[in-house]
PDB file of all heavy atoms in Angstrom:
ATOM      1  N   TYR A   1     -27.065  -8.012 -65.636  1.00  0.00           N
ATOM      2  CA  TYR A   1     -28.283  -8.298 -66.390  1.00  0.00           C
ATOM      3  C   TYR A   1     -28.334  -9.767 -66.813  1.00  0.00           C
ATOM      4  O   TYR A   1     -29.376 -10.428 -66.719  1.00  0.00           O
ATOM      5  CB  TYR A   1     -28.366  -7.388 -67.612  1.00  0.00           C
ATOM      6  CG  TYR A   1     -29.451  -7.784 -68.590  1.00  0.00           C
ATOM      7  CD1 TYR A   1     -30.783  -7.500 -68.332  1.00  0.00           C
ATOM      8  CD2 TYR A   1     -29.142  -8.440 -69.787  1.00  0.00           C
ATOM      9  CE1 TYR A   1     -31.786  -7.855 -69.215  1.00  0.00           C
ATOM     10  CE2 TYR A   1     -30.126  -8.789 -70.680  1.00  0.00           C
ATOM     11  CZ  TYR A   1     -31.450  -8.497 -70.391  1.00  0.00           C
ATOM     12  OH  TYR A   1     -32.426  -8.862 -71.258  1.00  0.00           O
ATOM     13  N   GLU A   2     -27.213 -10.294 -67.287  1.00  0.00           N
ATOM     14  CA  GLU A   2     -27.158 -11.683 -67.731  1.00  0.00           C
ATOM     15  C   GLU A   2     -27.398 -12.637 -66.565  1.00  0.00           C
ATOM     16  O   GLU A   2     -28.117 -13.648 -66.706  1.00  0.00           O
ATOM     17  CB  GLU A   2     -25.808 -11.960 -68.394  1.00  0.00           C
ATOM     18  CG  GLU A   2     -25.631 -11.259 -69.749  1.00  0.00           C
ATOM     19  CD  GLU A   2     -24.255 -11.482 -70.333  1.00  0.00           C
ATOM     20  OE1 GLU A   2     -23.388 -12.064 -69.626  1.00  0.00           O
ATOM     21  OE2 GLU A   2     -24.023 -11.082 -71.492  1.00  0.00           O
ATOM     22  N   ARG A   3     -26.806 -12.321 -65.399  1.00  0.00           N
ATOM     23  CA  ARG A   3     -27.045 -13.173 -64.218  1.00  0.00           C
ATOM     24  C   ARG A   3     -28.511 -13.124 -63.816  1.00  0.00           C
ATOM     25  O   ARG A   3     -29.120 -14.153 -63.496  1.00  0.00           O
ATOM     26  CB  ARG A   3     -26.161 -12.727 -63.058  1.00  0.00           C
ATOM     27  CG  ARG A   3     -24.694 -13.103 -63.192  1.00  0.00           C
ATOM     28  CD  ARG A   3     -23.994 -12.989 -61.851  1.00  0.00           C
ATOM     29  NE  ARG A   3     -24.093 -11.639 -61.296  1.00  0.00           N
ATOM     30  CZ  ARG A   3     -23.230 -10.680 -61.511  1.00  0.00           C
ATOM     31  NH1 ARG A   3     -22.177 -10.901 -62.294  1.00  0.00           N
ATOM     32  NH2 ARG A   3     -23.382  -9.482 -60.973  1.00  0.00           N
ATOM     33  N   PHE A   4     -29.088 -11.940 -63.838  1.00  0.00           N
ATOM     34  CA  PHE A   4     -30.496 -11.776 -63.466  1.00  0.00           C
ATOM     35  C   PHE A   4     -31.398 -12.539 -64.449  1.00  0.00           C
ATOM     36  O   PHE A   4     -32.395 -13.156 -64.047  1.00  0.00           O
ATOM     37  CB  PHE A   4     -30.854 -10.288 -63.480  1.00  0.00           C
ATOM     38  CG  PHE A   4     -32.169  -9.978 -62.838  1.00  0.00           C
ATOM     39  CD1 PHE A   4     -32.271  -9.809 -61.466  1.00  0.00           C
ATOM     40  CD2 PHE A   4     -33.325  -9.837 -63.606  1.00  0.00           C
ATOM     41  CE1 PHE A   4     -33.493  -9.529 -60.876  1.00  0.00           C
ATOM     42  CE2 PHE A   4     -34.547  -9.559 -63.033  1.00  0.00           C
ATOM     43  CZ  PHE A   4     -34.627  -9.387 -61.649  1.00  0.00           C
ATOM     44  N   HIS A   5     -31.019 -12.507 -65.725  1.00  0.00           N
ATOM     45  CA  HIS A   5     -31.812 -13.190 -66.749  1.00  0.00           C
ATOM     46  C   HIS A   5     -31.742 -14.716 -66.562  1.00  0.00           C
ATOM     47  O   HIS A   5     -32.763 -15.413 -66.675  1.00  0.00           O
ATOM     48  CB  HIS A   5     -31.271 -12.808 -68.126  1.00  0.00           C
ATOM     49  CG  HIS A   5     -32.212 -13.141 -69.245  1.00  0.00           C
ATOM     50  ND1 HIS A   5     -33.295 -12.370 -69.557  1.00  0.00           N
ATOM     51  CD2 HIS A   5     -32.221 -14.184 -70.113  1.00  0.00           C
ATOM     52  CE1 HIS A   5     -33.945 -12.920 -70.584  1.00  0.00           C
ATOM     53  NE2 HIS A   5     -33.309 -14.000 -70.943  1.00  0.00           N
ATOM     54  N   VAL A   6     -30.564 -15.228 -66.274  1.00  0.00           N
ATOM     55  CA  VAL A   6     -30.404 -16.670 -66.089  1.00  0.00           C
ATOM     56  C   VAL A   6     -31.066 -17.131 -64.790  1.00  0.00           C
ATOM     57  O   VAL A   6     -31.687 -18.208 -64.747  1.00  0.00           O
ATOM     58  CB  VAL A   6     -28.914 -17.045 -66.095  1.00  0.00           C
ATOM     59  CG1 VAL A   6     -28.721 -18.513 -65.716  1.00  0.00           C
ATOM     60  CG2 VAL A   6     -28.300 -16.769 -67.470  1.00  0.00           C
ATOM     61  N   LEU A   7     -30.962 -16.328 -63.733  1.00  0.00           N
ATOM     62  CA  LEU A   7     -31.566 -16.704 -62.456  1.00  0.00           C
ATOM     63  C   LEU A   7     -33.092 -16.778 -62.534  1.00  0.00           C
ATOM     64  O   LEU A   7     -33.726 -17.376 -61.671  1.00  0.00           O
ATOM     65  CB  LEU A   7     -31.154 -15.705 -61.369  1.00  0.00           C
ATOM     66  CG  LEU A   7     -29.702 -15.795 -60.860  1.00  0.00           C
ATOM     67  CD1 LEU A   7     -29.391 -14.672 -59.889  1.00  0.00           C
ATOM     68  CD2 LEU A   7     -29.436 -17.152 -60.228  1.00  0.00           C
ATOM     69  N   GLY A   8     -33.654 -16.161 -63.571  1.00  0.00           N
ATOM     70  CA  GLY A   8     -35.102 -16.244 -63.755  1.00  0.00           C
ATOM     71  C   GLY A   8     -35.585 -17.675 -63.976  1.00  0.00           C
ATOM     72  O   GLY A   8     -36.740 -17.989 -63.707  1.00  0.00           O
ATOM     73  N   THR A   9     -34.681 -18.544 -64.426  1.00  0.00           N
ATOM     74  CA  THR A   9     -35.073 -19.949 -64.621  1.00  0.00           C
ATOM     75  C   THR A   9     -35.274 -20.687 -63.300  1.00  0.00           C
ATOM     76  O   THR A   9     -35.878 -21.756 -63.279  1.00  0.00           O
ATOM     77  CB  THR A   9     -33.993 -20.681 -65.439  1.00  0.00           C
ATOM     78  OG1 THR A   9     -32.732 -20.608 -64.738  1.00  0.00           O
ATOM     79  CG2 THR A   9     -33.827 -20.048 -66.808  1.00  0.00           C
ATOM     80  N   LEU A  10     -34.795 -20.116 -62.189  1.00  0.00           N
ATOM     81  CA  LEU A  10     -34.947 -20.768 -60.878  1.00  0.00           C
ATOM     82  C   LEU A  10     -36.402 -20.781 -60.412  1.00  0.00           C
ATOM     83  O   LEU A  10     -36.731 -21.519 -59.478  1.00  0.00           O
ATOM     84  CB  LEU A  10     -34.082 -20.062 -59.834  1.00  0.00           C
ATOM     85  CG  LEU A  10     -32.566 -20.150 -60.048  1.00  0.00           C
ATOM     86  CD1 LEU A  10     -31.833 -19.406 -58.936  1.00  0.00           C
ATOM     87  CD2 LEU A  10     -32.100 -21.605 -60.092  1.00  0.00           C
ATOM     88  N   TRP A  11     -37.259 -19.973 -61.054  1.00  0.00           N
ATOM     89  CA  TRP A  11     -38.693 -20.032 -60.720  1.00  0.00           C
ATOM     90  C   TRP A  11     -39.262 -21.410 -61.028  1.00  0.00           C
ATOM     91  O   TRP A  11     -40.320 -21.783 -60.485  1.00  0.00           O
ATOM     92  CB  TRP A  11     -39.458 -18.967 -61.508  1.00  0.00           C
ATOM     93  CG  TRP A  11     -39.235 -17.561 -61.065  1.00  0.00           C
ATOM     94  CD1 TRP A  11     -38.336 -16.672 -61.588  1.00  0.00           C
ATOM     95  CD2 TRP A  11     -39.896 -16.861 -60.014  1.00  0.00           C
ATOM     96  NE1 TRP A  11     -38.403 -15.468 -60.938  1.00  0.00           N
ATOM     97  CE2 TRP A  11     -39.361 -15.553 -59.961  1.00  0.00           C
ATOM     98  CE3 TRP A  11     -40.913 -17.211 -59.099  1.00  0.00           C
ATOM     99  CZ2 TRP A  11     -39.805 -14.602 -59.037  1.00  0.00           C
ATOM    100  CZ3 TRP A  11     -41.342 -16.247 -58.190  1.00  0.00           C
ATOM    101  CH2 TRP A  11     -40.792 -14.977 -58.161  1.00  0.00           C
ATOM    102  N   HIS A  12     -38.590 -22.177 -61.894  1.00  0.00           N
ATOM    103  CA  HIS A  12     -39.099 -23.496 -62.271  1.00  0.00           C
ATOM    104  C   HIS A  12     -38.715 -24.579 -61.268  1.00  0.00           C
ATOM    105  O   HIS A  12     -39.267 -25.689 -61.332  1.00  0.00           O
ATOM    106  CB  HIS A  12     -38.553 -23.904 -63.655  1.00  0.00           C
ATOM    107  CG  HIS A  12     -39.008 -23.010 -64.765  1.00  0.00           C
ATOM    108  ND1 HIS A  12     -38.329 -21.858 -65.113  1.00  0.00           N
ATOM    109  CD2 HIS A  12     -40.056 -23.101 -65.624  1.00  0.00           C
ATOM    110  CE1 HIS A  12     -38.952 -21.281 -66.125  1.00  0.00           C
ATOM    111  NE2 HIS A  12     -39.996 -22.006 -66.454  1.00  0.00           N
ATOM    112  N   VAL A  13     -37.786 -24.312 -60.382  1.00  0.00           N
ATOM    113  CA  VAL A  13     -37.260 -25.346 -59.490  1.00  0.00           C
ATOM    114  C   VAL A  13     -38.293 -25.857 -58.486  1.00  0.00           C
ATOM    115  O   VAL A  13     -38.478 -27.072 -58.333  1.00  0.00           O
ATOM    116  CB  VAL A  13     -35.983 -24.858 -58.777  1.00  0.00           C
ATOM    117  CG1 VAL A  13     -35.511 -25.882 -57.743  1.00  0.00           C
ATOM    118  CG2 VAL A  13     -34.874 -24.603 -59.797  1.00  0.00           C
ATOM    119  N   PRO A  14     -39.027 -24.978 -57.739  1.00  0.00           N
ATOM    120  CA  PRO A  14     -39.990 -25.481 -56.751  1.00  0.00           C
ATOM    121  C   PRO A  14     -41.047 -26.427 -57.327  1.00  0.00           C
ATOM    122  O   PRO A  14     -41.272 -27.505 -56.754  1.00  0.00           O
ATOM    123  CB  PRO A  14     -40.608 -24.199 -56.169  1.00  0.00           C
ATOM    124  CG  PRO A  14     -39.565 -23.169 -56.371  1.00  0.00           C
ATOM    125  CD  PRO A  14     -38.905 -23.501 -57.670  1.00  0.00           C
ATOM    126  N   PRO A  15     -41.734 -26.078 -58.447  1.00  0.00           N
ATOM    127  CA  PRO A  15     -42.710 -27.035 -58.971  1.00  0.00           C
ATOM    128  C   PRO A  15     -42.071 -28.336 -59.432  1.00  0.00           C
ATOM    129  O   PRO A  15     -42.689 -29.406 -59.314  1.00  0.00           O
ATOM    130  CB  PRO A  15     -43.365 -26.287 -60.141  1.00  0.00           C
ATOM    131  CG  PRO A  15     -42.416 -25.213 -60.509  1.00  0.00           C
ATOM    132  CD  PRO A  15     -41.741 -24.830 -59.229  1.00  0.00           C
ATOM    133  N   LEU A  16     -40.842 -28.277 -59.957  1.00  0.00           N
ATOM    134  CA  LEU A  16     -40.165 -29.493 -60.371  1.00  0.00           C
ATOM    135  C   LEU A  16     -39.882 -30.392 -59.171  1.00  0.00           C
ATOM    136  O   LEU A  16     -40.097 -31.608 -59.234  1.00  0.00           O
ATOM    137  CB  LEU A  16     -38.854 -29.150 -61.096  1.00  0.00           C
ATOM    138  CG  LEU A  16     -37.988 -30.337 -61.526  1.00  0.00           C
ATOM    139  CD1 LEU A  16     -38.734 -31.224 -62.500  1.00  0.00           C
ATOM    140  CD2 LEU A  16     -36.676 -29.843 -62.136  1.00  0.00           C
ATOM    141  N   VAL A  17     -39.437 -29.817 -58.061  1.00  0.00           N
ATOM    142  CA  VAL A  17     -39.138 -30.589 -56.854  1.00  0.00           C
ATOM    143  C   VAL A  17     -40.411 -31.217 -56.288  1.00  0.00           C
ATOM    144  O   VAL A  17     -40.424 -32.398 -55.911  1.00  0.00           O
ATOM    145  CB  VAL A  17     -38.445 -29.698 -55.806  1.00  0.00           C
ATOM    146  CG1 VAL A  17     -38.311 -30.426 -54.471  1.00  0.00           C
ATOM    147  CG2 VAL A  17     -37.065 -29.261 -56.298  1.00  0.00           C
ATOM    148  N   LEU A  18     -41.497 -30.442 -56.235  1.00  0.00           N
ATOM    149  CA  LEU A  18     -42.758 -30.961 -55.704  1.00  0.00           C
ATOM    150  C   LEU A  18     -43.311 -32.090 -56.583  1.00  0.00           C
ATOM    151  O   LEU A  18     -43.812 -33.093 -56.082  1.00  0.00           O
ATOM    152  CB  LEU A  18     -43.789 -29.832 -55.591  1.00  0.00           C
ATOM    153  CG  LEU A  18     -43.604 -28.867 -54.428  1.00  0.00           C
ATOM    154  CD1 LEU A  18     -44.607 -27.708 -54.533  1.00  0.00           C
ATOM    155  CD2 LEU A  18     -43.782 -29.589 -53.099  1.00  0.00           C
ATOM    156  N   SER A  19     -43.228 -31.928 -57.899  1.00  0.00           N
ATOM    157  CA  SER A  19     -43.707 -32.978 -58.809  1.00  0.00           C
ATOM    158  C   SER A  19     -42.870 -34.245 -58.676  1.00  0.00           C
ATOM    159  O   SER A  19     -43.401 -35.359 -58.669  1.00  0.00           O
ATOM    160  CB  SER A  19     -43.666 -32.471 -60.248  1.00  0.00           C
ATOM    161  OG  SER A  19     -44.521 -31.380 -60.440  1.00  0.00           O
ATOM    162  N   LEU A  20     -41.563 -34.061 -58.564  1.00  0.00           N
ATOM    163  CA  LEU A  20     -40.687 -35.214 -58.400  1.00  0.00           C
ATOM    164  C   LEU A  20     -40.971 -35.940 -57.085  1.00  0.00           C
ATOM    165  O   LEU A  20     -41.000 -37.176 -57.026  1.00  0.00           O
ATOM    166  CB  LEU A  20     -39.228 -34.756 -58.459  1.00  0.00           C
ATOM    167  CG  LEU A  20     -38.158 -35.848 -58.473  1.00  0.00           C
ATOM    168  CD1 LEU A  20     -38.334 -36.749 -59.693  1.00  0.00           C
ATOM    169  CD2 LEU A  20     -36.768 -35.239 -58.463  1.00  0.00           C
ATOM    170  N   ALA A  21     -41.205 -35.159 -56.006  1.00  0.00           N
ATOM    171  CA  ALA A  21     -41.529 -35.774 -54.712  1.00  0.00           C
ATOM    172  C   ALA A  21     -42.844 -36.533 -54.776  1.00  0.00           C
ATOM    173  O   ALA A  21     -42.967 -37.651 -54.225  1.00  0.00           O
ATOM    174  CB  ALA A  21     -41.588 -34.687 -53.637  1.00  0.00           C
ATOM    175  N   SER A  22     -43.843 -35.970 -55.456  1.00  0.00           N
ATOM    176  CA  SER A  22     -45.137 -36.648 -55.601  1.00  0.00           C
ATOM    177  C   SER A  22     -44.986 -37.949 -56.378  1.00  0.00           C
ATOM    178  O   SER A  22     -45.591 -38.976 -56.012  1.00  0.00           O
ATOM    179  CB  SER A  22     -46.137 -35.728 -56.332  1.00  0.00           C
ATOM    180  OG  SER A  22     -46.329 -34.537 -55.618  1.00  0.00           O
ATOM    181  N   TYR A  23     -44.174 -37.928 -57.418  1.00  0.00           N
ATOM    182  CA  TYR A  23     -43.964 -39.131 -58.227  1.00  0.00           C
ATOM    183  C   TYR A  23     -43.264 -40.213 -57.400  1.00  0.00           C
ATOM    184  O   TYR A  23     -43.656 -41.384 -57.436  1.00  0.00           O
ATOM    185  CB  TYR A  23     -43.123 -38.766 -59.454  1.00  0.00           C
ATOM    186  CG  TYR A  23     -42.714 -39.944 -60.300  1.00  0.00           C
ATOM    187  CD1 TYR A  23     -43.665 -40.663 -61.023  1.00  0.00           C
ATOM    188  CD2 TYR A  23     -41.387 -40.347 -60.372  1.00  0.00           C
ATOM    189  CE1 TYR A  23     -43.303 -41.743 -61.796  1.00  0.00           C
ATOM    190  CE2 TYR A  23     -41.014 -41.431 -61.144  1.00  0.00           C
ATOM    191  CZ  TYR A  23     -41.970 -42.123 -61.851  1.00  0.00           C
ATOM    192  OH  TYR A  23     -41.602 -43.202 -62.612  1.00  0.00           O
ATOM    193  N   ILE A  24     -42.257 -39.828 -56.643  1.00  0.00           N
ATOM    194  CA  ILE A  24     -41.518 -40.802 -55.823  1.00  0.00           C
ATOM    195  C   ILE A  24     -42.425 -41.396 -54.751  1.00  0.00           C
ATOM    196  O   ILE A  24     -42.415 -42.609 -54.515  1.00  0.00           O
ATOM    197  CB  ILE A  24     -40.284 -40.127 -55.184  1.00  0.00           C
ATOM    198  CG1 ILE A  24     -39.265 -39.771 -56.270  1.00  0.00           C
ATOM    199  CG2 ILE A  24     -39.633 -41.053 -54.150  1.00  0.00           C
ATOM    200  CD1 ILE A  24     -38.091 -38.969 -55.767  1.00  0.00           C
ATOM    201  N   LEU A  25     -43.248 -40.570 -54.112  1.00  0.00           N
ATOM    202  CA  LEU A  25     -44.163 -41.072 -53.089  1.00  0.00           C
ATOM    203  C   LEU A  25     -45.180 -42.037 -53.677  1.00  0.00           C
ATOM    204  O   LEU A  25     -45.528 -43.061 -53.057  1.00  0.00           O
ATOM    205  CB  LEU A  25     -44.873 -39.910 -52.404  1.00  0.00           C
ATOM    206  CG  LEU A  25     -44.006 -39.047 -51.457  1.00  0.00           C
ATOM    207  CD1 LEU A  25     -44.800 -37.868 -50.946  1.00  0.00           C
ATOM    208  CD2 LEU A  25     -43.495 -39.901 -50.288  1.00  0.00           C
ATOM    209  N   LEU A  26     -45.689 -41.727 -54.867  1.00  0.00           N
ATOM    210  CA  LEU A  26     -46.650 -42.640 -55.517  1.00  0.00           C
ATOM    211  C   LEU A  26     -45.983 -43.969 -55.880  1.00  0.00           C
ATOM    212  O   LEU A  26     -46.593 -45.032 -55.737  1.00  0.00           O
ATOM    213  CB  LEU A  26     -47.236 -41.974 -56.755  1.00  0.00           C
ATOM    214  CG  LEU A  26     -48.386 -41.004 -56.520  1.00  0.00           C
ATOM    215  CD1 LEU A  26     -48.711 -40.236 -57.779  1.00  0.00           C
ATOM    216  CD2 LEU A  26     -49.616 -41.753 -56.023  1.00  0.00           C
ATOM    217  N   ILE A  27     -44.750 -43.923 -56.342  1.00  0.00           N
ATOM    218  CA  ILE A  27     -44.014 -45.157 -56.678  1.00  0.00           C
ATOM    219  C   ILE A  27     -43.834 -46.003 -55.424  1.00  0.00           C
ATOM    220  O   ILE A  27     -44.074 -47.232 -55.427  1.00  0.00           O
ATOM    221  CB  ILE A  27     -42.650 -44.812 -57.297  1.00  0.00           C
ATOM    222  CG1 ILE A  27     -42.830 -44.276 -58.728  1.00  0.00           C
ATOM    223  CG2 ILE A  27     -41.741 -46.043 -57.323  1.00  0.00           C
ATOM    224  CD1 ILE A  27     -43.231 -45.308 -59.746  1.00  0.00           C
ATOM    225  N   LEU A  28     -43.415 -45.372 -54.309  1.00  0.00           N
ATOM    226  CA  LEU A  28     -43.214 -46.106 -53.065  1.00  0.00           C
ATOM    227  C   LEU A  28     -44.525 -46.674 -52.541  1.00  0.00           C
ATOM    228  O   LEU A  28     -44.577 -47.822 -52.061  1.00  0.00           O
ATOM    229  CB  LEU A  28     -42.586 -45.185 -52.014  1.00  0.00           C
ATOM    230  CG  LEU A  28     -41.160 -44.702 -52.310  1.00  0.00           C
ATOM    231  CD1 LEU A  28     -40.705 -43.698 -51.241  1.00  0.00           C
ATOM    232  CD2 LEU A  28     -40.198 -45.882 -52.376  1.00  0.00           C
ATOM    233  N   SER A  29     -45.595 -45.870 -52.648  1.00  0.00           N
ATOM    234  CA  SER A  29     -46.900 -46.342 -52.185  1.00  0.00           C
ATOM    235  C   SER A  29     -47.399 -47.505 -53.030  1.00  0.00           C
ATOM    236  O   SER A  29     -47.952 -48.486 -52.498  1.00  0.00           O
ATOM    237  CB  SER A  29     -47.914 -45.193 -52.243  1.00  0.00           C
ATOM    238  OG  SER A  29     -49.199 -45.623 -51.830  1.00  0.00           O
ATOM    239  N   LEU A  30     -47.198 -47.445 -54.330  1.00  0.00           N
ATOM    240  CA  LEU A  30     -47.590 -48.528 -55.217  1.00  0.00           C
ATOM    241  C   LEU A  30     -46.806 -49.796 -54.899  1.00  0.00           C
ATOM    242  O   LEU A  30     -47.361 -50.908 -54.875  1.00  0.00           O
ATOM    243  CB  LEU A  30     -47.375 -48.143 -56.676  1.00  0.00           C
ATOM    244  CG  LEU A  30     -47.656 -49.240 -57.719  1.00  0.00           C
ATOM    245  CD1 LEU A  30     -49.120 -49.678 -57.655  1.00  0.00           C
ATOM    246  CD2 LEU A  30     -47.317 -48.747 -59.127  1.00  0.00           C
ATOM    247  N   GLY A  31     -45.500 -49.649 -54.646  1.00  0.00           N
ATOM    248  CA  GLY A  31     -44.676 -50.807 -54.292  1.00  0.00           C
ATOM    249  C   GLY A  31     -45.147 -51.464 -53.013  1.00  0.00           C
ATOM    250  O   GLY A  31     -45.258 -52.710 -52.942  1.00  0.00           O
ATOM    251  N   ARG A  32     -45.457 -50.657 -52.003  1.00  0.00           N
ATOM    252  CA  ARG A  32     -45.951 -51.220 -50.743  1.00  0.00           C
ATOM    253  C   ARG A  32     -47.310 -51.883 -50.929  1.00  0.00           C
ATOM    254  O   ARG A  32     -47.561 -52.980 -50.397  1.00  0.00           O
ATOM    255  CB  ARG A  32     -46.064 -50.107 -49.701  1.00  0.00           C
ATOM    256  CG  ARG A  32     -44.722 -49.573 -49.207  1.00  0.00           C
ATOM    257  CD  ARG A  32     -44.927 -48.506 -48.160  1.00  0.00           C
ATOM    258  NE  ARG A  32     -45.738 -48.984 -47.052  1.00  0.00           N
ATOM    259  CZ  ARG A  32     -46.157 -48.221 -46.055  1.00  0.00           C
ATOM    260  NH1 ARG A  32     -45.887 -46.919 -46.056  1.00  0.00           N
ATOM    261  NH2 ARG A  32     -46.880 -48.717 -45.075  1.00  0.00           N
ATOM    262  N   HIS A  33     -48.184 -51.243 -51.701  1.00  0.00           N
ATOM    263  CA  HIS A  33     -49.514 -51.795 -51.919  1.00  0.00           C
ATOM    264  C   HIS A  33     -49.434 -53.115 -52.691  1.00  0.00           C
ATOM    265  O   HIS A  33     -50.126 -54.092 -52.339  1.00  0.00           O
ATOM    266  CB  HIS A  33     -50.373 -50.801 -52.691  1.00  0.00           C
ATOM    267  CG  HIS A  33     -51.746 -51.290 -52.991  1.00  0.00           C
ATOM    268  ND1 HIS A  33     -52.744 -51.386 -52.044  1.00  0.00           N
ATOM    269  CD2 HIS A  33     -52.302 -51.749 -54.162  1.00  0.00           C
ATOM    270  CE1 HIS A  33     -53.837 -51.866 -52.598  1.00  0.00           C
ATOM    271  NE2 HIS A  33     -53.607 -52.091 -53.882  1.00  0.00           N
ATOM    272  N   THR A  34     -48.606 -53.177 -53.718  1.00  0.00           N
ATOM    273  CA  THR A  34     -48.452 -54.410 -54.493  1.00  0.00           C
ATOM    274  C   THR A  34     -47.884 -55.535 -53.636  1.00  0.00           C
ATOM    275  O   THR A  34     -48.318 -56.695 -53.731  1.00  0.00           O
ATOM    276  CB  THR A  34     -47.524 -54.155 -55.693  1.00  0.00           C
ATOM    277  OG1 THR A  34     -48.045 -53.072 -56.472  1.00  0.00           O
ATOM    278  CG2 THR A  34     -47.417 -55.389 -56.569  1.00  0.00           C
ATOM    279  N   GLN A  35     -46.927 -55.213 -52.764  1.00  0.00           N
ATOM    280  CA  GLN A  35     -46.345 -56.216 -51.871  1.00  0.00           C
ATOM    281  C   GLN A  35     -47.387 -56.763 -50.892  1.00  0.00           C
ATOM    282  O   GLN A  35     -47.440 -57.970 -50.633  1.00  0.00           O
ATOM    283  CB  GLN A  35     -45.173 -55.602 -51.098  1.00  0.00           C
ATOM    284  CG  GLN A  35     -44.391 -56.613 -50.279  1.00  0.00           C
ATOM    285  CD  GLN A  35     -43.195 -55.971 -49.597  1.00  0.00           C
ATOM    286  OE1 GLN A  35     -43.019 -54.753 -49.663  1.00  0.00           O
ATOM    287  NE2 GLN A  35     -42.377 -56.770 -48.941  1.00  0.00           N
ATOM    288  N   GLN A  36     -48.234 -55.874 -50.369  1.00  0.00           N
ATOM    289  CA  GLN A  36     -49.278 -56.318 -49.458  1.00  0.00           C
ATOM    290  C   GLN A  36     -50.293 -57.213 -50.178  1.00  0.00           C
ATOM    291  O   GLN A  36     -50.753 -58.227 -49.614  1.00  0.00           O
ATOM    292  CB  GLN A  36     -49.995 -55.105 -48.869  1.00  0.00           C
ATOM    293  CG  GLN A  36     -49.147 -54.311 -47.879  1.00  0.00           C
ATOM    294  CD  GLN A  36     -49.850 -53.057 -47.396  1.00  0.00           C
ATOM    295  OE1 GLN A  36     -50.975 -52.773 -47.822  1.00  0.00           O
ATOM    296  NE2 GLN A  36     -49.191 -52.311 -46.523  1.00  0.00           N
ATOM    297  N   MET A  37     -50.622 -56.859 -51.417  1.00  0.00           N
ATOM    298  CA  MET A  37     -51.559 -57.678 -52.184  1.00  0.00           C
ATOM    299  C   MET A  37     -50.990 -59.058 -52.455  1.00  0.00           C
ATOM    300  O   MET A  37     -51.706 -60.072 -52.413  1.00  0.00           O
ATOM    301  CB  MET A  37     -51.909 -56.976 -53.499  1.00  0.00           C
ATOM    302  CG  MET A  37     -52.608 -55.631 -53.322  1.00  0.00           C
ATOM    303  SD  MET A  37     -54.228 -55.779 -52.563  1.00  0.00           S
ATOM    304  CE  MET A  37     -55.144 -56.565 -53.872  1.00  0.00           C
ATOM    305  N   GLN A  38     -49.705 -59.136 -52.756  1.00  0.00           N
ATOM    306  CA  GLN A  38     -49.068 -60.427 -53.005  1.00  0.00           C
ATOM    307  C   GLN A  38     -49.020 -61.282 -51.739  1.00  0.00           C
ATOM    308  O   GLN A  38     -49.201 -62.497 -51.788  1.00  0.00           O
ATOM    309  CB  GLN A  38     -47.659 -60.209 -53.571  1.00  0.00           C
ATOM    310  CG  GLN A  38     -47.647 -59.643 -54.984  1.00  0.00           C
ATOM    311  CD  GLN A  38     -46.245 -59.336 -55.464  1.00  0.00           C
ATOM    312  OE1 GLN A  38     -45.292 -59.348 -54.695  1.00  0.00           O
ATOM    313  NE2 GLN A  38     -46.118 -59.031 -56.761  1.00  0.00           N
ATOM    314  N   GLN A  39     -48.776 -60.650 -50.602  1.00  0.00           N
ATOM    315  CA  GLN A  39     -48.739 -61.383 -49.333  1.00  0.00           C
ATOM    316  C   GLN A  39     -50.101 -61.922 -48.966  1.00  0.00           C
ATOM    317  O   GLN A  39     -50.229 -63.008 -48.393  1.00  0.00           O
ATOM    318  CB  GLN A  39     -48.211 -60.474 -48.229  1.00  0.00           C
ATOM    319  CG  GLN A  39     -46.723 -60.141 -48.354  1.00  0.00           C
ATOM    320  CD  GLN A  39     -46.257 -59.171 -47.297  1.00  0.00           C
ATOM    321  OE1 GLN A  39     -47.072 -58.647 -46.518  1.00  0.00           O
ATOM    322  NE2 GLN A  39     -44.960 -58.909 -47.239  1.00  0.00           N
ATOM    323  N   ASN A  40     -51.162 -61.152 -49.313  1.00  0.00           N
ATOM    324  CA  ASN A  40     -52.519 -61.598 -49.018  1.00  0.00           C
ATOM    325  C   ASN A  40     -53.046 -62.587 -50.054  1.00  0.00           C
ATOM    326  O   ASN A  40     -54.138 -63.145 -49.891  1.00  0.00           O
ATOM    327  CB  ASN A  40     -53.454 -60.390 -48.939  1.00  0.00           C
ATOM    328  CG  ASN A  40     -53.098 -59.473 -47.783  1.00  0.00           C
ATOM    329  OD1 ASN A  40     -52.546 -59.912 -46.768  1.00  0.00           O
ATOM    330  ND2 ASN A  40     -53.416 -58.192 -47.916  1.00  0.00           N
TER     331      ASN A  40
END
């Protein structure tokens, strides 16, 4: 029962991973965009 109760927190992992991936992609995209603007 205790293991089952604790494993219930794993439902939070997929949205956390997707949000983190979205944040990282936006950071990388912003860095590339800022670099292009500086070059131009």
